[in-house]
N, C-alpha and C. Protein backbone atom coordinates (compact mmCIF):
# COMPACT_ATOMS: atom_id res chain seq x y z
N MET A 1 -75.83 158.41 49.02
CA MET A 1 -75.20 159.04 49.71
C MET A 1 -75.57 160.27 49.24
N GLU A 2 -75.44 161.06 50.44
CA GLU A 2 -75.81 163.04 50.22
C GLU A 2 -74.49 163.39 50.86
N ALA A 3 -73.76 164.53 49.68
CA ALA A 3 -72.49 165.03 50.16
C ALA A 3 -72.76 166.80 50.18
N THR A 4 -72.09 167.07 51.41
CA THR A 4 -72.73 168.02 51.77
C THR A 4 -71.09 168.91 52.12
N PHE A 5 -70.78 169.97 51.12
CA PHE A 5 -69.96 170.76 51.74
C PHE A 5 -69.93 171.61 52.59
N PHE A 6 -68.70 172.09 53.55
CA PHE A 6 -69.15 173.31 54.20
C PHE A 6 -67.43 174.03 54.74
N LYS A 7 -67.30 175.11 55.15
CA LYS A 7 -66.16 175.86 55.48
C LYS A 7 -66.13 175.66 57.26
N ALA A 8 -65.04 175.72 57.94
CA ALA A 8 -65.14 175.60 59.28
C ALA A 8 -63.73 175.44 59.42
N ARG A 9 -63.51 175.71 60.60
CA ARG A 9 -62.02 175.17 61.65
C ARG A 9 -61.73 174.11 61.56
N ARG A 10 -60.92 173.50 61.88
CA ARG A 10 -60.71 171.68 62.11
C ARG A 10 -61.59 171.16 63.30
N ASP A 11 -61.09 171.68 64.37
CA ASP A 11 -61.98 171.18 65.77
C ASP A 11 -63.41 171.49 65.50
N ASP A 12 -64.05 172.72 64.52
CA ASP A 12 -65.39 172.51 64.65
C ASP A 12 -65.84 171.74 63.76
N ALA A 13 -64.95 171.27 62.57
CA ALA A 13 -65.52 170.46 62.03
C ALA A 13 -65.50 168.97 62.69
N LEU A 14 -64.76 168.87 62.88
CA LEU A 14 -64.44 167.38 64.05
C LEU A 14 -65.91 166.93 64.58
N ARG A 15 -66.63 168.10 64.89
CA ARG A 15 -67.78 168.09 65.94
C ARG A 15 -68.86 167.23 65.01
N VAL A 16 -69.07 167.86 63.86
CA VAL A 16 -70.12 167.89 63.05
C VAL A 16 -70.01 165.91 62.39
N ALA A 17 -71.62 165.42 63.00
CA ALA A 17 -71.42 164.57 62.95
C ALA A 17 -72.53 163.94 61.68
N SER A 18 -73.61 164.95 61.99
CA SER A 18 -74.40 165.09 60.76
C SER A 18 -74.58 166.49 60.30
N GLN A 19 -75.70 166.22 59.36
CA GLN A 19 -76.23 167.94 58.35
C GLN A 19 -76.62 168.64 59.73
N GLU A 20 -77.34 168.19 60.83
CA GLU A 20 -78.28 169.02 62.01
C GLU A 20 -77.11 169.32 62.79
N ASP A 21 -75.57 169.00 62.65
CA ASP A 21 -74.52 169.56 63.76
C ASP A 21 -74.07 170.89 62.94
N LEU A 22 -74.54 171.05 61.69
CA LEU A 22 -73.74 172.39 60.81
C LEU A 22 -74.37 173.44 61.61
N SER A 23 -73.19 174.30 62.11
CA SER A 23 -73.83 175.38 62.91
C SER A 23 -73.54 176.75 61.97
N ILE A 24 -73.65 176.36 60.87
CA ILE A 24 -73.32 177.64 59.55
C ILE A 24 -74.16 176.52 58.30
N GLU A 25 -74.56 177.73 57.30
CA GLU A 25 -75.13 177.23 55.92
C GLU A 25 -73.98 176.67 55.50
N PRO A 26 -73.83 175.34 55.02
CA PRO A 26 -73.56 174.47 54.34
C PRO A 26 -72.89 175.22 53.11
N ALA A 27 -71.72 175.12 52.48
CA ALA A 27 -70.89 175.91 51.29
C ALA A 27 -72.05 174.93 49.75
N GLY A 28 -72.96 175.05 50.07
CA GLY A 28 -73.18 174.72 48.42
C GLY A 28 -74.53 173.93 49.05
N GLU A 29 -75.66 173.55 48.57
CA GLU A 29 -76.68 172.51 48.38
C GLU A 29 -76.10 171.03 48.83
N PRO A 30 -76.51 170.38 49.64
CA PRO A 30 -76.50 168.93 49.30
C PRO A 30 -76.69 168.12 48.19
N VAL A 31 -75.69 167.50 48.00
CA VAL A 31 -76.04 166.56 46.30
C VAL A 31 -76.13 165.35 46.85
N ARG A 32 -77.02 164.51 45.89
CA ARG A 32 -77.23 163.18 46.64
C ARG A 32 -76.39 162.79 45.49
N VAL A 33 -75.16 161.44 45.65
CA VAL A 33 -74.49 160.61 44.95
C VAL A 33 -74.40 159.40 45.23
N GLU A 34 -74.26 158.53 44.03
CA GLU A 34 -73.81 157.34 44.16
C GLU A 34 -72.74 156.82 44.77
N SER A 35 -71.45 157.62 44.50
CA SER A 35 -70.04 156.83 44.98
C SER A 35 -69.10 158.22 45.10
N MET A 36 -67.98 157.94 45.90
CA MET A 36 -67.10 158.50 46.07
C MET A 36 -66.47 159.23 45.07
N ALA A 37 -67.00 158.22 43.60
CA ALA A 37 -66.21 158.42 42.16
C ALA A 37 -66.39 159.74 41.71
N TRP A 38 -67.26 160.19 41.79
CA TRP A 38 -68.40 161.50 41.28
C TRP A 38 -67.00 162.62 41.97
N LEU A 39 -66.66 162.49 43.26
CA LEU A 39 -66.49 163.40 43.76
C LEU A 39 -64.46 163.40 43.38
N LEU A 40 -64.42 162.00 43.22
CA LEU A 40 -62.85 162.02 42.65
C LEU A 40 -62.39 162.70 41.38
N ARG A 41 -63.78 162.46 40.56
CA ARG A 41 -63.71 163.39 39.42
C ARG A 41 -63.68 164.44 38.75
N LEU A 42 -64.36 165.44 40.30
CA LEU A 42 -64.15 166.72 40.22
C LEU A 42 -62.31 167.14 40.13
N SER A 43 -61.87 166.25 41.34
CA SER A 43 -60.13 166.34 41.24
C SER A 43 -59.36 166.19 40.19
N GLU A 44 -60.05 164.99 39.64
CA GLU A 44 -59.64 164.87 38.02
C GLU A 44 -59.57 166.08 36.90
N LEU A 45 -60.56 166.33 36.84
CA LEU A 45 -61.29 167.70 35.79
C LEU A 45 -60.28 168.92 36.45
N LEU A 46 -60.01 169.40 37.72
CA LEU A 46 -58.88 170.43 37.79
C LEU A 46 -57.96 169.95 37.86
N GLY A 47 -57.31 168.51 37.06
CA GLY A 47 -56.34 168.62 37.03
C GLY A 47 -55.06 167.96 37.82
N LEU A 48 -55.78 167.25 38.88
CA LEU A 48 -55.24 166.73 39.82
C LEU A 48 -55.37 165.43 39.93
N ALA A 49 -55.50 164.62 38.90
CA ALA A 49 -55.42 163.18 38.56
C ALA A 49 -54.01 162.70 39.38
N GLY A 50 -54.54 161.58 40.35
CA GLY A 50 -53.99 160.72 41.15
C GLY A 50 -53.57 161.60 42.37
N GLN A 51 -54.32 162.38 42.55
CA GLN A 51 -54.20 163.29 43.85
C GLN A 51 -55.38 162.83 45.07
N GLY A 52 -56.33 162.18 44.32
CA GLY A 52 -57.38 161.68 45.11
C GLY A 52 -58.36 162.93 45.63
N PHE A 53 -59.12 162.92 46.59
CA PHE A 53 -60.12 163.83 47.10
C PHE A 53 -59.79 164.16 48.25
N GLY A 54 -58.59 164.45 48.97
CA GLY A 54 -58.17 165.06 50.57
C GLY A 54 -58.13 163.21 51.25
N ALA A 55 -58.23 163.43 52.41
CA ALA A 55 -57.96 162.71 53.41
C ALA A 55 -59.20 162.80 54.52
N PRO A 56 -59.72 161.30 54.81
CA PRO A 56 -60.42 161.13 55.63
C PRO A 56 -60.15 162.01 57.06
N LEU A 57 -61.39 162.51 57.63
CA LEU A 57 -60.82 162.86 58.93
C LEU A 57 -61.50 162.13 60.09
N ARG A 58 -62.44 161.51 59.41
CA ARG A 58 -63.30 160.53 60.03
C ARG A 58 -63.84 159.58 59.57
N ASP A 59 -63.67 157.95 59.76
CA ASP A 59 -64.35 157.35 59.03
C ASP A 59 -65.89 157.07 60.22
N THR A 60 -66.99 156.25 59.25
CA THR A 60 -68.15 156.09 59.86
C THR A 60 -68.16 155.50 61.42
N THR A 61 -68.64 156.02 62.13
CA THR A 61 -68.90 155.11 63.18
C THR A 61 -70.34 155.15 63.60
N CYS A 62 -70.67 154.74 64.79
CA CYS A 62 -71.92 154.74 65.09
C CYS A 62 -72.87 155.89 65.38
N ARG A 63 -71.91 157.13 65.70
CA ARG A 63 -72.51 158.23 65.98
C ARG A 63 -72.45 159.18 64.93
N SER A 64 -71.47 158.77 63.81
CA SER A 64 -71.47 160.05 62.87
C SER A 64 -71.25 159.44 61.46
N PHE A 65 -71.33 160.48 60.62
CA PHE A 65 -70.79 160.15 59.05
C PHE A 65 -69.30 160.21 58.61
N PRO A 66 -68.63 159.80 57.71
CA PRO A 66 -67.83 160.09 57.23
C PRO A 66 -67.75 161.27 56.66
N LEU A 67 -66.32 162.20 57.10
CA LEU A 67 -65.82 163.57 56.99
C LEU A 67 -64.63 163.86 56.72
N TRP A 68 -64.35 164.24 55.17
CA TRP A 68 -62.91 164.39 54.49
C TRP A 68 -62.59 166.03 54.58
N GLN A 69 -61.53 166.35 54.51
CA GLN A 69 -60.80 167.76 54.49
C GLN A 69 -60.24 167.47 52.93
N LEU A 70 -60.73 168.58 51.96
CA LEU A 70 -60.13 168.70 51.08
C LEU A 70 -59.11 169.20 50.79
N PRO A 71 -58.09 168.57 50.02
CA PRO A 71 -56.78 168.97 49.77
C PRO A 71 -56.71 170.59 49.50
N SER A 72 -55.34 171.05 49.81
CA SER A 72 -55.37 172.63 49.56
C SER A 72 -55.31 172.60 47.93
N ALA A 73 -54.29 171.69 47.30
CA ALA A 73 -54.58 172.11 46.06
C ALA A 73 -55.91 172.38 45.41
N LEU A 74 -56.78 171.40 45.63
CA LEU A 74 -58.13 171.65 45.35
C LEU A 74 -58.76 172.83 45.11
N ILE A 75 -58.55 173.08 46.38
CA ILE A 75 -59.56 174.34 46.89
C ILE A 75 -58.32 175.81 46.03
N GLU A 76 -57.42 175.50 46.61
CA GLU A 76 -56.69 177.23 45.04
C GLU A 76 -57.17 176.50 43.83
N ARG A 77 -57.27 175.45 43.27
CA ARG A 77 -57.61 175.43 41.70
C ARG A 77 -59.14 176.07 42.14
N LEU A 78 -60.36 175.33 42.66
CA LEU A 78 -61.63 175.92 42.63
C LEU A 78 -61.63 177.50 43.23
N ALA A 79 -61.12 178.07 43.86
CA ALA A 79 -61.19 179.34 44.18
C ALA A 79 -60.77 180.48 43.07
N GLU A 80 -60.12 179.90 41.95
CA GLU A 80 -59.36 180.68 41.42
C GLU A 80 -59.99 180.91 39.96
N LEU A 81 -60.90 180.01 39.70
CA LEU A 81 -61.80 179.88 38.52
C LEU A 81 -62.53 180.70 38.30
N ASP A 82 -62.71 181.42 37.15
CA ASP A 82 -63.60 182.65 36.65
C ASP A 82 -64.82 181.67 36.35
N ASP A 83 -65.75 182.58 36.05
CA ASP A 83 -67.39 182.24 35.91
C ASP A 83 -67.35 180.95 34.64
N ASP A 84 -66.57 181.59 33.33
CA ASP A 84 -66.39 180.35 32.17
C ASP A 84 -65.94 179.42 32.53
N ALA A 85 -64.90 179.34 33.25
CA ALA A 85 -64.41 178.30 33.52
C ALA A 85 -65.17 177.04 34.30
N LEU A 86 -65.34 177.57 35.86
CA LEU A 86 -66.56 177.27 36.26
C LEU A 86 -67.67 176.44 35.43
N ASP A 87 -68.38 177.14 34.31
CA ASP A 87 -69.25 176.57 33.36
C ASP A 87 -68.83 175.34 33.12
N ALA A 88 -67.69 175.81 32.62
CA ALA A 88 -66.82 174.65 31.53
C ALA A 88 -66.60 173.02 32.57
N LEU A 89 -66.49 173.93 33.48
CA LEU A 89 -66.02 172.83 34.64
C LEU A 89 -67.45 171.84 35.01
N ALA A 90 -68.73 172.41 35.39
CA ALA A 90 -69.83 172.14 35.48
C ALA A 90 -69.91 171.06 34.27
N GLU A 91 -69.59 171.53 33.33
CA GLU A 91 -70.75 170.92 32.32
C GLU A 91 -69.85 169.45 32.21
N ALA A 92 -68.61 169.47 32.17
CA ALA A 92 -67.59 168.58 32.28
C ALA A 92 -68.26 167.24 33.40
N TRP A 93 -67.98 167.90 34.69
CA TRP A 93 -68.78 167.06 35.61
C TRP A 93 -69.99 166.62 35.42
N HIS A 94 -70.87 167.23 34.89
CA HIS A 94 -72.20 166.85 34.50
C HIS A 94 -72.54 165.29 33.84
N ASP A 95 -71.48 165.71 32.92
CA ASP A 95 -71.31 164.61 31.44
C ASP A 95 -71.27 162.97 32.28
N GLU A 96 -70.40 163.11 33.20
CA GLU A 96 -70.10 162.02 33.69
C GLU A 96 -70.27 161.60 35.11
N SER A 97 -71.47 162.63 35.49
CA SER A 97 -72.24 162.46 36.81
C SER A 97 -72.69 161.35 37.11
N GLN A 98 -72.53 161.02 38.49
CA GLN A 98 -73.14 160.10 39.29
C GLN A 98 -74.12 160.64 40.23
N ALA A 99 -74.42 161.77 39.69
CA ALA A 99 -75.08 162.68 40.68
C ALA A 99 -76.83 163.21 40.35
N ASP A 100 -77.51 162.89 41.81
CA ASP A 100 -78.96 163.06 41.41
C ASP A 100 -79.24 164.65 40.75
N ALA A 101 -78.11 165.61 40.45
CA ALA A 101 -78.35 166.70 40.48
C ALA A 101 -78.61 167.61 38.70
N ASP A 102 -78.83 168.21 38.12
CA ASP A 102 -78.85 168.63 36.75
C ASP A 102 -77.99 169.83 36.67
N LEU A 103 -77.36 170.16 35.32
CA LEU A 103 -76.30 171.14 35.29
C LEU A 103 -76.44 171.97 36.38
N TYR A 104 -77.27 172.83 36.05
CA TYR A 104 -77.61 174.06 36.76
C TYR A 104 -77.00 173.86 38.33
N GLU A 105 -77.78 173.17 38.83
CA GLU A 105 -77.59 172.70 40.03
C GLU A 105 -75.96 172.57 40.34
N LEU A 106 -75.44 171.47 39.31
CA LEU A 106 -73.58 171.55 39.75
C LEU A 106 -72.93 173.03 39.04
N GLY A 107 -73.36 173.44 38.52
CA GLY A 107 -72.92 175.05 38.10
C GLY A 107 -73.00 175.65 39.32
N GLN A 108 -74.34 175.89 39.98
CA GLN A 108 -74.36 176.75 41.79
C GLN A 108 -73.79 176.07 42.29
N LEU A 109 -73.36 174.89 42.58
CA LEU A 109 -72.63 174.20 43.94
C LEU A 109 -71.35 174.96 43.25
N LEU A 110 -70.74 174.69 42.01
CA LEU A 110 -69.54 175.08 42.20
C LEU A 110 -69.23 176.49 42.49
N VAL A 111 -70.75 177.34 41.93
CA VAL A 111 -70.10 178.99 42.39
C VAL A 111 -70.27 179.08 43.66
N GLU A 112 -71.13 178.21 44.51
CA GLU A 112 -71.14 178.61 45.93
C GLU A 112 -69.95 178.08 46.64
N LEU A 113 -69.59 177.00 46.14
CA LEU A 113 -67.96 176.30 46.79
C LEU A 113 -67.29 177.34 46.61
N ARG A 114 -66.74 178.30 45.22
CA ARG A 114 -65.71 178.93 44.91
C ARG A 114 -66.08 180.32 46.13
N GLU A 115 -67.22 180.77 46.51
CA GLU A 115 -67.10 181.81 47.00
C GLU A 115 -67.24 181.64 48.69
N ALA A 116 -67.66 180.31 48.72
CA ALA A 116 -66.99 180.02 50.56
C ALA A 116 -65.48 179.98 50.57
N LEU A 117 -64.79 179.51 49.89
CA LEU A 117 -63.30 179.15 49.37
C LEU A 117 -63.03 180.98 49.18
N GLN A 118 -63.50 181.77 48.65
CA GLN A 118 -63.02 183.13 48.86
C GLN A 118 -62.84 183.92 50.04
N THR A 119 -64.04 183.35 50.36
CA THR A 119 -64.48 183.84 51.91
C THR A 119 -63.87 183.53 53.21
N ARG A 120 -63.44 182.55 52.90
CA ARG A 120 -62.66 181.55 54.50
C ARG A 120 -62.02 182.24 55.13
N GLY A 121 -62.33 182.24 56.58
CA GLY A 121 -61.21 182.85 57.31
C GLY A 121 -59.64 181.83 57.17
N ASP A 122 -58.56 182.88 57.54
CA ASP A 122 -57.31 181.60 57.50
C ASP A 122 -57.20 180.28 58.05
N ASP A 123 -57.80 180.18 59.12
CA ASP A 123 -57.80 179.42 59.84
C ASP A 123 -59.04 178.10 59.38
N GLU A 124 -59.78 178.19 58.58
CA GLU A 124 -60.98 177.70 57.84
C GLU A 124 -60.54 176.79 56.67
N ALA A 125 -61.24 175.56 56.72
CA ALA A 125 -60.74 174.87 55.53
C ALA A 125 -62.35 174.45 54.93
N LEU A 126 -62.13 173.92 53.90
CA LEU A 126 -63.22 173.23 53.35
C LEU A 126 -63.74 171.63 53.46
N TYR A 127 -64.85 171.11 53.89
CA TYR A 127 -65.09 169.78 54.56
C TYR A 127 -65.81 169.34 53.72
N LEU A 128 -65.81 167.97 54.01
CA LEU A 128 -67.12 167.22 52.89
C LEU A 128 -67.56 166.45 54.15
N LEU A 129 -69.35 166.71 54.21
CA LEU A 129 -69.64 165.56 54.77
C LEU A 129 -70.21 164.58 54.22
N VAL A 130 -70.42 163.09 53.91
CA VAL A 130 -70.79 162.27 53.62
C VAL A 130 -71.72 161.14 54.05
N GLU A 131 -73.46 161.46 53.74
CA GLU A 131 -73.95 160.80 54.95
C GLU A 131 -74.95 159.57 53.91
N GLU A 132 -75.05 158.66 54.66
CA GLU A 132 -76.19 157.54 53.81
C GLU A 132 -77.09 158.09 54.43
N LYS A 133 -78.12 158.54 53.27
CA LYS A 133 -79.83 158.89 53.63
C LYS A 133 -80.54 157.67 52.58
N ALA A 134 -82.00 157.35 52.94
CA ALA A 134 -82.63 156.32 53.07
C ALA A 134 -83.36 157.25 51.46
N LEU A 135 -83.59 156.69 50.01
CA LEU A 135 -84.36 157.32 49.14
C LEU A 135 -85.70 157.57 49.65
């Protein structure tokens, strides 16, 4: 799977069926992951154990890939982290990672997510598109 985070208004996000539909740059480079467990671990590391990783806005169909809206608690926690806290989070996330990304890439992704969250408009949220891609 390939996980791509992006910020958008809800109506615009629902029109995104694949990465090719993104009208703006994603909020970080896409990351190849083995399962959603990798993403759930981020939520746990942010102190949100048991709260999951948000709700799917759309399941897989023949025309599109699953789309998730990240919960506001996760967004708020990520947006408020300083550089040292992001580095520690990246290390912990990488240690248990099922992602095809090194520590630097995960750290950079978290920095880019934080920047996207800090610059989003009042009507924008953070979304996750999960695409099945051939190796």
